[in-house]
Amino acid sequence: MSMGTVYRNLTILEEQGLVKRIENGATFDRFDAYVMPHYHFICEECGAISDLEVEIDENINKLATKLTPYTIKWHKIDFYGICNSCKNKKN
């Protein structure tokens, strides 16, 4: 199977809502099979992306709607730092 076929299949799965594209400024695409709203942790050293088990704060949407002329429907927050694996390599 060619890489083109793989990406076409991922695009189809994304259109069907079965995977979600993670857009974090990388030069390549990453996909997440967990499609429910959630936050990510991105390691600045190795680039690993992990799901954070932190409840989505809907109050952020309400506050942004209140403080701006926009109707906010959802938000995306990524947290950046150093993962435990990279931290342990330094020690």
N, C-alpha and C. Protein backbone atom coordinates (compact mmCIF):
# COMPACT_ATOMS: atom_id res chain seq x y z
N MET A 1 0.85 -1.16 0.00
CA MET A 1 0.00 0.00 0.00
C MET A 1 0.90 1.24 0.00
N SER A 2 0.60 2.20 -0.84
CA SER A 2 1.40 3.41 -0.92
C SER A 2 0.99 4.40 0.16
N MET A 3 1.88 5.35 0.46
CA MET A 3 1.57 6.37 1.47
C MET A 3 0.38 7.22 1.01
N GLY A 4 0.27 7.43 -0.29
CA GLY A 4 -0.87 8.19 -0.80
C GLY A 4 -2.18 7.52 -0.43
N THR A 5 -2.24 6.20 -0.52
CA THR A 5 -3.43 5.44 -0.16
C THR A 5 -3.71 5.57 1.33
N VAL A 6 -2.67 5.51 2.14
CA VAL A 6 -2.83 5.64 3.59
C VAL A 6 -3.44 7.00 3.91
N TYR A 7 -2.90 8.08 3.34
CA TYR A 7 -3.42 9.41 3.62
C TYR A 7 -4.82 9.61 3.06
N ARG A 8 -5.13 9.01 1.91
CA ARG A 8 -6.51 9.09 1.39
C ARG A 8 -7.47 8.41 2.37
N ASN A 9 -7.06 7.25 2.89
CA ASN A 9 -7.90 6.53 3.84
C ASN A 9 -8.07 7.32 5.14
N LEU A 10 -7.00 7.95 5.62
CA LEU A 10 -7.10 8.78 6.82
C LEU A 10 -8.02 9.97 6.59
N THR A 11 -7.96 10.54 5.40
CA THR A 11 -8.85 11.67 5.07
C THR A 11 -10.30 11.22 5.07
N ILE A 12 -10.57 10.04 4.54
CA ILE A 12 -11.93 9.48 4.53
C ILE A 12 -12.39 9.25 5.97
N LEU A 13 -11.53 8.67 6.81
CA LEU A 13 -11.89 8.44 8.20
C LEU A 13 -12.15 9.76 8.94
N GLU A 14 -11.36 10.79 8.60
CA GLU A 14 -11.56 12.10 9.20
C GLU A 14 -12.91 12.68 8.77
N GLU A 15 -13.26 12.56 7.50
CA GLU A 15 -14.55 13.05 7.00
C GLU A 15 -15.72 12.33 7.67
N GLN A 16 -15.51 11.06 8.03
CA GLN A 16 -16.56 10.28 8.69
C GLN A 16 -16.58 10.51 10.20
N GLY A 17 -15.65 11.31 10.70
CA GLY A 17 -15.60 11.61 12.13
C GLY A 17 -15.00 10.51 12.98
N LEU A 18 -14.27 9.59 12.36
CA LEU A 18 -13.69 8.46 13.09
C LEU A 18 -12.27 8.74 13.58
N VAL A 19 -11.61 9.70 13.00
CA VAL A 19 -10.31 10.18 13.48
C VAL A 19 -10.31 11.69 13.38
N LYS A 20 -9.41 12.32 14.11
CA LYS A 20 -9.30 13.77 14.09
C LYS A 20 -7.86 14.14 13.78
N ARG A 21 -7.68 15.08 12.88
CA ARG A 21 -6.34 15.57 12.53
C ARG A 21 -5.85 16.48 13.67
N ILE A 22 -4.63 16.25 14.12
CA ILE A 22 -4.02 17.10 15.14
C ILE A 22 -3.16 18.12 14.42
N GLU A 23 -3.53 19.36 14.52
CA GLU A 23 -2.78 20.43 13.86
C GLU A 23 -1.98 21.17 14.91
N ASN A 24 -0.68 20.92 14.91
CA ASN A 24 0.18 21.55 15.91
C ASN A 24 1.39 22.22 15.27
N GLY A 25 1.29 22.55 13.99
CA GLY A 25 2.38 23.24 13.32
C GLY A 25 3.49 22.33 12.82
N ALA A 26 3.32 21.03 12.95
CA ALA A 26 4.34 20.10 12.47
C ALA A 26 4.32 20.06 10.94
N THR A 27 5.40 19.59 10.36
CA THR A 27 5.47 19.49 8.90
C THR A 27 4.80 18.23 8.37
N PHE A 28 4.26 17.43 9.27
CA PHE A 28 3.56 16.21 8.86
C PHE A 28 2.25 16.11 9.64
N ASP A 29 1.33 15.33 9.12
CA ASP A 29 0.02 15.19 9.75
C ASP A 29 0.05 14.12 10.84
N ARG A 30 -0.69 14.38 11.89
CA ARG A 30 -0.91 13.39 12.94
C ARG A 30 -2.41 13.26 13.11
N PHE A 31 -2.84 12.06 13.46
CA PHE A 31 -4.26 11.79 13.62
C PHE A 31 -4.52 11.17 14.97
N ASP A 32 -5.69 11.45 15.52
CA ASP A 32 -6.08 10.97 16.84
C ASP A 32 -7.38 10.19 16.69
N ALA A 33 -7.39 8.96 17.19
CA ALA A 33 -8.60 8.14 17.12
C ALA A 33 -9.60 8.51 18.21
N TYR A 34 -9.17 9.27 19.21
CA TYR A 34 -10.07 9.73 20.26
C TYR A 34 -10.65 11.06 19.81
N VAL A 35 -11.88 11.05 19.33
CA VAL A 35 -12.46 12.23 18.67
C VAL A 35 -13.29 13.12 19.60
N MET A 36 -13.49 12.71 20.84
CA MET A 36 -14.21 13.56 21.79
C MET A 36 -13.33 14.76 22.14
N PRO A 37 -13.93 15.91 22.46
CA PRO A 37 -13.12 17.08 22.82
C PRO A 37 -12.20 16.77 24.00
N HIS A 38 -10.93 17.08 23.85
CA HIS A 38 -9.96 16.88 24.92
C HIS A 38 -8.71 17.71 24.64
N TYR A 39 -7.91 17.88 25.67
CA TYR A 39 -6.67 18.66 25.56
C TYR A 39 -5.50 17.72 25.29
N HIS A 40 -4.43 18.31 24.75
CA HIS A 40 -3.21 17.55 24.47
C HIS A 40 -2.01 18.15 25.20
N PHE A 41 -1.05 17.29 25.51
CA PHE A 41 0.27 17.71 25.98
C PHE A 41 1.25 17.38 24.86
N ILE A 42 2.08 18.34 24.48
CA ILE A 42 3.06 18.15 23.41
C ILE A 42 4.44 18.38 23.98
N CYS A 43 5.30 17.37 23.86
CA CYS A 43 6.66 17.48 24.37
C CYS A 43 7.49 18.34 23.41
N GLU A 44 8.14 19.35 23.94
CA GLU A 44 8.97 20.25 23.13
C GLU A 44 10.30 19.60 22.74
N GLU A 45 10.66 18.51 23.40
CA GLU A 45 11.91 17.83 23.09
C GLU A 45 11.73 16.79 21.97
N CYS A 46 10.83 15.84 22.19
CA CYS A 46 10.70 14.71 21.24
C CYS A 46 9.47 14.83 20.34
N GLY A 47 8.56 15.76 20.65
CA GLY A 47 7.36 15.94 19.82
C GLY A 47 6.23 14.99 20.13
N ALA A 48 6.38 14.17 21.17
CA ALA A 48 5.31 13.23 21.54
C ALA A 48 4.05 14.00 21.92
N ILE A 49 2.92 13.47 21.52
CA ILE A 49 1.63 14.08 21.85
C ILE A 49 0.84 13.10 22.72
N SER A 50 0.36 13.58 23.85
CA SER A 50 -0.41 12.75 24.77
C SER A 50 -1.75 13.41 25.06
N ASP A 51 -2.77 12.59 25.22
CA ASP A 51 -4.07 13.10 25.65
C ASP A 51 -3.98 13.45 27.12
N LEU A 52 -4.56 14.58 27.51
CA LEU A 52 -4.62 14.97 28.92
C LEU A 52 -5.98 14.62 29.47
N GLU A 53 -6.00 14.00 30.62
CA GLU A 53 -7.25 13.65 31.29
C GLU A 53 -7.66 14.83 32.16
N VAL A 54 -7.93 15.94 31.49
CA VAL A 54 -8.35 17.17 32.16
C VAL A 54 -9.70 17.55 31.55
N GLU A 55 -10.66 17.81 32.40
CA GLU A 55 -12.01 18.14 31.92
C GLU A 55 -11.99 19.42 31.08
N ILE A 56 -12.69 19.40 29.95
CA ILE A 56 -12.82 20.58 29.11
C ILE A 56 -13.56 21.66 29.90
N ASP A 57 -13.03 22.85 29.91
CA ASP A 57 -13.62 23.97 30.65
C ASP A 57 -14.52 24.78 29.73
N GLU A 58 -15.81 24.50 29.77
CA GLU A 58 -16.78 25.21 28.93
C GLU A 58 -16.91 26.67 29.33
N ASN A 59 -16.48 27.02 30.55
CA ASN A 59 -16.53 28.42 30.97
C ASN A 59 -15.64 29.31 30.11
N ILE A 60 -14.60 28.73 29.52
CA ILE A 60 -13.73 29.50 28.62
C ILE A 60 -14.54 29.98 27.43
N ASN A 61 -15.41 29.14 26.89
CA ASN A 61 -16.26 29.53 25.76
C ASN A 61 -17.19 30.67 26.16
N LYS A 62 -17.81 30.55 27.34
CA LYS A 62 -18.73 31.58 27.81
C LYS A 62 -18.00 32.90 28.04
N LEU A 63 -16.83 32.85 28.65
CA LEU A 63 -16.06 34.05 28.91
C LEU A 63 -15.64 34.73 27.62
N ALA A 64 -15.14 33.94 26.66
CA ALA A 64 -14.70 34.51 25.38
C ALA A 64 -15.89 35.13 24.63
N THR A 65 -17.05 34.50 24.70
CA THR A 65 -18.25 35.04 24.06
C THR A 65 -18.66 36.36 24.72
N LYS A 66 -18.57 36.40 26.05
CA LYS A 66 -18.94 37.59 26.80
C LYS A 66 -18.00 38.77 26.52
N LEU A 67 -16.69 38.47 26.38
CA LEU A 67 -15.69 39.53 26.24
C LEU A 67 -15.41 39.95 24.80
N THR A 68 -16.02 39.26 23.85
CA THR A 68 -15.79 39.57 22.44
C THR A 68 -17.12 39.69 21.71
N PRO A 69 -17.11 40.19 20.48
CA PRO A 69 -18.36 40.25 19.71
C PRO A 69 -18.69 38.92 19.01
N TYR A 70 -17.98 37.86 19.36
CA TYR A 70 -18.13 36.57 18.66
C TYR A 70 -18.99 35.59 19.45
N THR A 71 -19.54 34.62 18.73
CA THR A 71 -20.22 33.50 19.36
C THR A 71 -19.24 32.33 19.34
N ILE A 72 -18.71 31.97 20.47
CA ILE A 72 -17.72 30.92 20.58
C ILE A 72 -18.44 29.58 20.74
N LYS A 73 -18.10 28.63 19.89
CA LYS A 73 -18.71 27.31 19.96
C LYS A 73 -17.82 26.29 20.66
N TRP A 74 -16.51 26.39 20.45
CA TRP A 74 -15.59 25.45 21.07
C TRP A 74 -14.20 26.08 21.09
N HIS A 75 -13.27 25.44 21.78
CA HIS A 75 -11.89 25.92 21.83
C HIS A 75 -10.93 24.74 21.79
N LYS A 76 -9.69 25.06 21.52
CA LYS A 76 -8.63 24.05 21.48
C LYS A 76 -7.46 24.62 22.27
N ILE A 77 -6.98 23.84 23.24
CA ILE A 77 -5.82 24.25 24.02
C ILE A 77 -4.83 23.10 24.01
N ASP A 78 -3.59 23.41 23.68
CA ASP A 78 -2.50 22.44 23.77
C ASP A 78 -1.54 22.92 24.84
N PHE A 79 -1.07 22.00 25.64
CA PHE A 79 -0.10 22.30 26.68
C PHE A 79 1.26 21.80 26.22
N TYR A 80 2.30 22.60 26.42
CA TYR A 80 3.65 22.28 25.98
C TYR A 80 4.60 22.19 27.16
N GLY A 81 5.57 21.31 27.05
CA GLY A 81 6.57 21.15 28.10
C GLY A 81 7.48 19.99 27.77
N ILE A 82 8.00 19.35 28.79
CA ILE A 82 8.92 18.22 28.62
C ILE A 82 8.25 16.97 29.20
N CYS A 83 8.18 15.91 28.41
CA CYS A 83 7.57 14.67 28.86
C CYS A 83 8.50 13.97 29.87
N ASN A 84 7.96 13.00 30.60
CA ASN A 84 8.75 12.28 31.60
C ASN A 84 9.92 11.53 30.98
N SER A 85 9.72 10.97 29.81
CA SER A 85 10.80 10.24 29.14
C SER A 85 11.98 11.14 28.86
N CYS A 86 11.72 12.31 28.29
CA CYS A 86 12.80 13.26 27.99
C CYS A 86 13.40 13.83 29.27
N LYS A 87 12.55 14.05 30.28
CA LYS A 87 13.03 14.56 31.56
C LYS A 87 14.00 13.55 32.20
N ASN A 88 13.66 12.26 32.11
CA ASN A 88 14.50 11.21 32.69
C ASN A 88 15.81 11.05 31.94
N LYS A 89 15.82 11.31 30.63
CA LYS A 89 17.05 11.23 29.84
C LYS A 89 18.05 12.29 30.28
N LYS A 90 17.53 13.44 30.70
CA LYS A 90 18.40 14.54 31.12
C LYS A 90 19.01 14.28 32.50
N ASN A 91 18.31 13.49 33.32
CA ASN A 91 18.79 13.23 34.69
C ASN A 91 19.72 12.10 34.71
